[in-house]
Amino acid sequence: MSSAFVHPTAIVGAGAKLSQGVKIGPFCIVGDNVVLHENVELVSHVSVDGNTGIGAGTRIFPFASVGHEPQDLKYHGEASRLEIGQNCIIRESVTINPGTEGGGMLTKIGNECLIMASAHVAHDAIIGNNVIMANYVGIAGHCQIGDNVIFGGTCVIHQYTRIGAHAFVGAQSMVDGDIIPYGIAVGNRASLTGLNLVGLKRRKFDREAIHRLRAAYRQIFSNEGTLRERVEDTADLFKTDLLVQEIVAFIMAATDRPILMPRNGQSAK
């Protein structure tokens, strides 16, 4: 603790573990079982509790509530955990809850995530790396969010929903079905509106790879046969394409939530 800076007005539990370079600003509260790794900064008025680990270089801004007991009536005090990765930015009034016995006992957020003001990550959610959540995004319990997903402001994601890597969710969307990797979803209730072509280009995906993704998308979401038949045909046609096979595997692994589909009349883009 000697290598960390703790403002005189902050309250830090005796059992908290503070690594070198940690900065705890005015009026922060840090619980006994919290672990803050190198160069974590709590700017001011941040409350961190529970069995919470925060990765190196992460910054948390005023009035965020991190690691306090989940908003789940089935929670009964089990010693669940919250893990936040490295170099995340967690802005004002964000709330992030730990896991529960009914969901694996863990909420996890990856590295390099940006969670903007007043967003919420509920119990047992698993968030990948480089995820961006704009203001007031709500991630319900048990959701699984892949790497590089971007959420526009005031989105709401239904519990148990999966969102594949590199997907984009438009502002003010209510998502109650799984979104395929590389997809775009917009609306209330949200529907699939195409591939996240802007995101793919920004992340320097090869042009030919994007063309193959578009061809696979058109086949999967055409009107011929069943979805399973179309997915199996796509898997066979693009056997060596890793990006297409990622979408195929995502759809075939569907669980409780339906796969989000284009609305009637929407063309496969």
Protein backbone atom coordinates (compact mmCIF):
# COMPACT_ATOMS: atom_id res chain seq x y z
CA MET A 1 0.00 0.00 0.00
CA SER A 2 3.01 2.30 0.51
CA SER A 3 3.51 2.64 -3.27
CA ALA A 4 -0.11 3.73 -3.88
CA PHE A 5 -1.54 7.20 -3.43
CA VAL A 6 -4.67 7.37 -1.28
CA HIS A 7 -6.36 10.72 -0.75
CA PRO A 8 -6.92 11.54 2.95
CA THR A 9 -10.69 11.60 2.46
CA ALA A 10 -10.82 8.12 0.87
CA ILE A 11 -11.73 5.00 2.89
CA VAL A 12 -9.80 1.84 2.01
CA GLY A 13 -10.52 -1.51 3.69
CA ALA A 14 -7.68 -3.10 5.62
CA GLY A 15 -7.74 -6.18 3.37
CA ALA A 16 -7.71 -4.32 0.05
CA LYS A 17 -4.67 -4.96 -2.16
CA LEU A 18 -3.26 -1.91 -3.91
CA SER A 19 -0.45 -2.35 -6.41
CA GLN A 20 2.23 0.13 -7.38
CA GLY A 21 1.03 3.32 -9.02
CA VAL A 22 -2.59 3.04 -7.85
CA LYS A 23 -4.28 6.41 -7.30
CA ILE A 24 -7.37 6.68 -5.12
CA GLY A 25 -8.91 10.13 -5.26
CA PRO A 26 -11.13 12.10 -2.89
CA PHE A 27 -14.09 10.42 -1.18
CA CYS A 28 -13.60 7.00 -2.76
CA ILE A 29 -14.55 3.83 -0.85
CA VAL A 30 -12.67 0.56 -1.47
CA GLY A 31 -13.81 -2.67 0.18
CA ASP A 32 -11.75 -5.27 2.03
CA ASN A 33 -11.68 -7.84 -0.80
CA VAL A 34 -10.86 -5.50 -3.67
CA VAL A 35 -7.66 -5.91 -5.72
CA LEU A 36 -6.43 -2.90 -7.70
CA HIS A 37 -3.57 -3.73 -10.05
CA GLU A 38 -0.81 -1.42 -11.25
CA ASN A 39 -1.73 2.17 -12.12
CA VAL A 40 -5.46 1.82 -11.55
CA GLU A 41 -7.01 5.22 -10.90
CA LEU A 42 -10.23 5.95 -9.03
CA VAL A 43 -10.73 9.60 -9.88
CA SER A 44 -13.08 10.58 -7.03
CA HIS A 45 -16.32 9.48 -5.32
CA VAL A 46 -15.95 5.92 -6.66
CA SER A 47 -17.27 2.97 -4.64
CA VAL A 48 -15.70 -0.45 -5.25
CA ASP A 49 -16.70 -3.45 -3.15
CA GLY A 50 -17.07 -7.23 -3.17
CA ASN A 51 -14.60 -9.75 -4.57
CA THR A 52 -13.52 -7.38 -7.30
CA GLY A 53 -10.30 -7.30 -9.30
CA ILE A 54 -9.50 -4.34 -11.53
CA GLY A 55 -6.79 -4.69 -14.17
CA ALA A 56 -3.73 -2.51 -14.64
CA GLY A 57 -4.22 0.95 -16.08
CA THR A 58 -8.01 1.06 -15.73
CA ARG A 59 -9.52 4.42 -14.81
CA ILE A 60 -12.87 4.82 -13.05
CA PHE A 61 -14.66 8.15 -12.87
CA PRO A 62 -16.87 9.78 -10.20
CA PHE A 63 -19.95 8.10 -8.76
CA ALA A 64 -19.36 4.73 -10.41
CA SER A 65 -20.58 1.78 -8.31
CA VAL A 66 -18.50 -1.31 -8.99
CA GLY A 67 -18.79 -4.76 -7.42
CA HIS A 68 -21.73 -4.16 -5.12
CA GLU A 69 -24.28 -6.95 -4.75
CA PRO A 70 -26.27 -7.77 -7.89
CA GLN A 71 -29.79 -6.59 -8.61
CA ASP A 72 -31.12 -10.14 -8.58
CA LEU A 73 -33.68 -11.34 -6.05
CA LYS A 74 -32.16 -14.84 -6.23
CA TYR A 75 -28.84 -13.57 -4.92
CA HIS A 76 -28.34 -14.63 -1.30
CA GLY A 77 -24.90 -13.36 -0.40
CA GLU A 78 -22.73 -15.93 -2.21
CA ALA A 79 -19.09 -14.90 -2.60
CA SER A 80 -19.28 -14.26 -6.34
CA ARG A 81 -16.71 -12.21 -8.26
CA LEU A 82 -16.23 -9.33 -10.66
CA GLU A 83 -13.17 -9.12 -12.92
CA ILE A 84 -12.39 -6.00 -14.96
CA GLY A 85 -9.52 -6.10 -17.45
CA GLN A 86 -6.64 -3.79 -18.22
CA ASN A 87 -6.77 -0.23 -19.57
CA CYS A 88 -10.53 0.11 -19.39
CA ILE A 89 -12.24 3.48 -19.03
CA ILE A 90 -15.35 3.44 -16.83
CA ARG A 91 -17.13 6.77 -16.82
CA GLU A 92 -19.41 8.58 -14.41
CA SER A 93 -22.27 6.76 -12.64
CA VAL A 94 -21.61 3.39 -14.29
CA THR A 95 -22.85 0.36 -12.33
CA ILE A 96 -21.25 -3.08 -12.66
CA ASN A 97 -22.42 -6.05 -10.59
CA PRO A 98 -20.67 -9.32 -9.70
CA GLY A 99 -21.93 -12.77 -10.59
CA THR A 100 -24.44 -15.05 -8.90
CA GLU A 101 -24.69 -18.73 -8.07
CA GLY A 102 -27.20 -19.16 -10.89
CA GLY A 103 -24.83 -17.79 -13.51
CA GLY A 104 -21.35 -19.10 -12.85
CA MET A 105 -20.41 -16.74 -9.98
CA LEU A 106 -18.55 -14.34 -12.26
CA THR A 107 -19.07 -11.11 -14.17
CA LYS A 108 -16.12 -10.40 -16.45
CA ILE A 109 -15.12 -7.40 -18.55
CA GLY A 110 -12.19 -7.67 -20.95
CA ASN A 111 -9.32 -5.31 -21.74
CA GLU A 112 -9.45 -1.88 -23.39
CA CYS A 113 -13.20 -1.41 -22.91
CA LEU A 114 -14.89 2.00 -22.83
CA ILE A 115 -18.05 2.13 -20.73
CA MET A 116 -19.60 5.59 -20.94
CA ALA A 117 -21.63 7.45 -18.34
CA SER A 118 -24.60 5.77 -16.63
CA ALA A 119 -24.22 2.43 -18.43
CA HIS A 120 -25.00 -0.80 -16.54
CA VAL A 121 -23.46 -4.28 -16.69
CA ALA A 122 -25.54 -6.81 -14.76
CA HIS A 123 -24.62 -10.01 -12.95
CA ASP A 124 -22.94 -12.89 -14.81
CA ALA A 125 -22.40 -10.91 -18.02
CA ILE A 126 -19.23 -11.76 -19.94
CA ILE A 127 -17.87 -8.83 -21.97
CA GLY A 128 -15.02 -9.23 -24.46
CA ASN A 129 -12.09 -6.94 -25.28
CA ASN A 130 -12.32 -3.50 -26.92
CA VAL A 131 -16.06 -3.20 -26.34
CA ILE A 132 -17.57 0.30 -26.44
CA MET A 133 -20.82 1.08 -24.61
CA ALA A 134 -22.20 4.58 -25.14
CA ASN A 135 -24.20 6.39 -22.48
CA TYR A 136 -27.10 4.61 -20.75
CA VAL A 137 -26.51 1.21 -22.33
CA GLY A 138 -28.04 -1.58 -20.23
CA ILE A 139 -26.56 -5.09 -20.40
CA ALA A 140 -28.84 -7.51 -18.56
CA GLY A 141 -27.79 -10.59 -16.64
CA HIS A 142 -26.04 -13.56 -18.27
CA CYS A 143 -25.34 -11.77 -21.56
CA GLN A 144 -22.26 -12.70 -23.60
CA ILE A 145 -20.67 -9.93 -25.63
CA GLY A 146 -17.84 -10.66 -28.09
CA ASP A 147 -14.72 -8.61 -28.81
CA ASN A 148 -14.94 -5.24 -30.57
CA VAL A 149 -18.71 -4.84 -30.20
CA ILE A 150 -20.01 -1.24 -30.25
CA PHE A 151 -23.28 -0.12 -28.64
CA GLY A 152 -24.96 3.17 -29.48
CA GLY A 153 -26.55 5.20 -26.68
CA THR A 154 -29.50 3.95 -24.61
CA CYS A 155 -29.46 0.40 -25.97
CA VAL A 156 -31.04 -2.32 -23.83
CA ILE A 157 -29.92 -5.94 -24.14
CA HIS A 158 -32.23 -8.74 -22.93
CA GLN A 159 -30.88 -11.24 -20.43
CA TYR A 160 -29.07 -14.32 -21.81
CA THR A 161 -28.52 -12.62 -25.18
CA ARG A 162 -25.31 -13.31 -27.14
CA ILE A 163 -23.73 -10.68 -29.35
CA GLY A 164 -20.97 -11.84 -31.67
CA ALA A 165 -17.59 -10.18 -32.22
CA HIS A 166 -17.43 -6.97 -34.29
CA ALA A 167 -21.20 -6.44 -34.17
CA PHE A 168 -22.75 -2.98 -33.99
CA VAL A 169 -25.97 -2.11 -32.13
CA GLY A 170 -27.65 1.15 -33.15
CA ALA A 171 -28.74 3.78 -30.65
CA GLN A 172 -31.99 3.26 -28.71
CA SER A 173 -32.27 -0.37 -29.78
CA MET A 174 -33.98 -3.01 -27.65
CA VAL A 175 -32.25 -6.30 -28.45
CA ASP A 176 -34.05 -9.52 -27.50
CA GLY A 177 -32.27 -11.98 -29.80
CA ASP A 178 -28.72 -13.08 -30.53
CA ILE A 179 -26.75 -10.94 -33.02
CA ILE A 180 -24.39 -12.77 -35.36
CA PRO A 181 -20.68 -11.79 -35.46
CA TYR A 182 -20.08 -8.81 -37.79
CA GLY A 183 -23.81 -7.96 -37.85
CA ILE A 184 -25.69 -4.69 -37.37
CA ALA A 185 -28.91 -4.54 -35.36
CA VAL A 186 -31.22 -1.55 -35.01
CA GLY A 187 -34.70 -0.91 -33.66
CA ASN A 188 -37.24 -1.63 -30.96
CA ARG A 189 -37.53 -4.56 -31.11
CA ALA A 190 -34.23 -4.74 -32.95
CA SER A 191 -33.77 -6.60 -36.21
CA LEU A 192 -30.69 -7.52 -38.19
CA THR A 193 -30.06 -4.90 -40.88
CA GLY A 194 -26.86 -6.19 -42.48
CA LEU A 195 -23.16 -6.54 -41.81
CA ASN A 196 -21.07 -4.00 -39.94
CA LEU A 197 -19.20 -3.01 -43.10
CA VAL A 198 -17.96 0.29 -41.66
CA GLY A 199 -16.46 -1.50 -38.68
CA LEU A 200 -14.88 -4.16 -40.86
CA LYS A 201 -13.23 -1.54 -43.07
CA ARG A 202 -12.03 0.50 -40.10
CA ARG A 203 -10.41 -2.59 -38.64
CA LYS A 204 -8.61 -3.28 -41.92
CA PHE A 205 -10.38 -6.50 -42.87
CA ASP A 206 -9.35 -7.67 -46.33
CA ARG A 207 -11.73 -6.66 -49.15
CA GLU A 208 -12.07 -10.22 -50.41
CA ALA A 209 -12.85 -11.43 -46.88
CA ILE A 210 -15.63 -8.83 -46.68
CA HIS A 211 -17.01 -9.96 -50.05
CA ARG A 212 -17.14 -13.57 -48.80
CA LEU A 213 -18.89 -12.46 -45.60
CA ARG A 214 -21.50 -10.63 -47.66
CA ALA A 215 -22.08 -13.66 -49.86
CA ALA A 216 -22.44 -15.89 -46.80
CA TYR A 217 -24.82 -13.41 -45.17
CA ARG A 218 -27.07 -13.37 -48.25
CA GLN A 219 -27.20 -17.14 -48.29
CA ILE A 220 -27.88 -17.56 -44.57
CA PHE A 221 -30.68 -14.99 -44.55
CA SER A 222 -32.32 -15.81 -47.87
CA ASN A 223 -35.89 -17.12 -48.01
CA GLU A 224 -35.18 -20.63 -49.25
CA GLY A 225 -35.39 -23.60 -46.91
CA THR A 226 -34.94 -23.47 -43.13
CA LEU A 227 -32.32 -21.43 -41.30
CA ARG A 228 -30.51 -24.60 -40.27
CA GLU A 229 -30.39 -25.86 -43.86
CA ARG A 230 -29.06 -22.53 -45.09
CA VAL A 231 -26.41 -22.44 -42.37
CA GLU A 232 -25.30 -25.98 -43.16
CA ASP A 233 -25.08 -25.14 -46.86
CA THR A 234 -23.05 -22.03 -46.04
CA ALA A 235 -20.69 -24.01 -43.82
CA ASP A 236 -20.07 -26.44 -46.68
CA LEU A 237 -19.63 -23.73 -49.30
CA PHE A 238 -17.16 -21.68 -47.20
CA LYS A 239 -15.28 -24.53 -45.54
CA THR A 240 -11.94 -22.72 -45.37
CA ASP A 241 -13.18 -19.23 -44.49
CA LEU A 242 -12.60 -18.62 -40.78
CA LEU A 243 -14.81 -15.52 -40.60
CA VAL A 244 -17.79 -17.26 -42.18
CA GLN A 245 -17.24 -20.32 -40.01
CA GLU A 246 -17.32 -18.05 -36.96
CA ILE A 247 -20.84 -16.94 -37.93
CA VAL A 248 -21.86 -20.55 -38.63
CA ALA A 249 -20.59 -21.72 -35.25
CA PHE A 250 -22.34 -18.84 -33.48
CA ILE A 251 -25.71 -19.69 -35.03
CA MET A 252 -25.34 -23.44 -34.46
CA ALA A 253 -24.52 -22.80 -30.79
CA ALA A 254 -27.78 -20.92 -30.17
CA THR A 255 -29.32 -21.50 -26.75
CA ASP A 256 -32.29 -19.80 -25.08
CA ARG A 257 -32.52 -16.68 -27.21
CA PRO A 258 -33.55 -16.68 -30.89
CA ILE A 259 -31.14 -15.53 -33.59
CA LEU A 260 -31.96 -11.98 -34.63
CA MET A 261 -33.21 -12.00 -38.24
CA PRO A 262 -33.79 -9.33 -40.91
CA ARG A 263 -37.36 -8.06 -41.00
CA ASN A 264 -39.65 -9.18 -43.79
CA GLY A 265 -38.81 -7.22 -46.88
CA GLN A 266 -35.32 -6.28 -45.79
CA SER A 267 -32.72 -7.36 -48.28
CA ALA A 268 -29.66 -9.25 -47.17
CA LYS A 269 -26.91 -6.64 -47.47
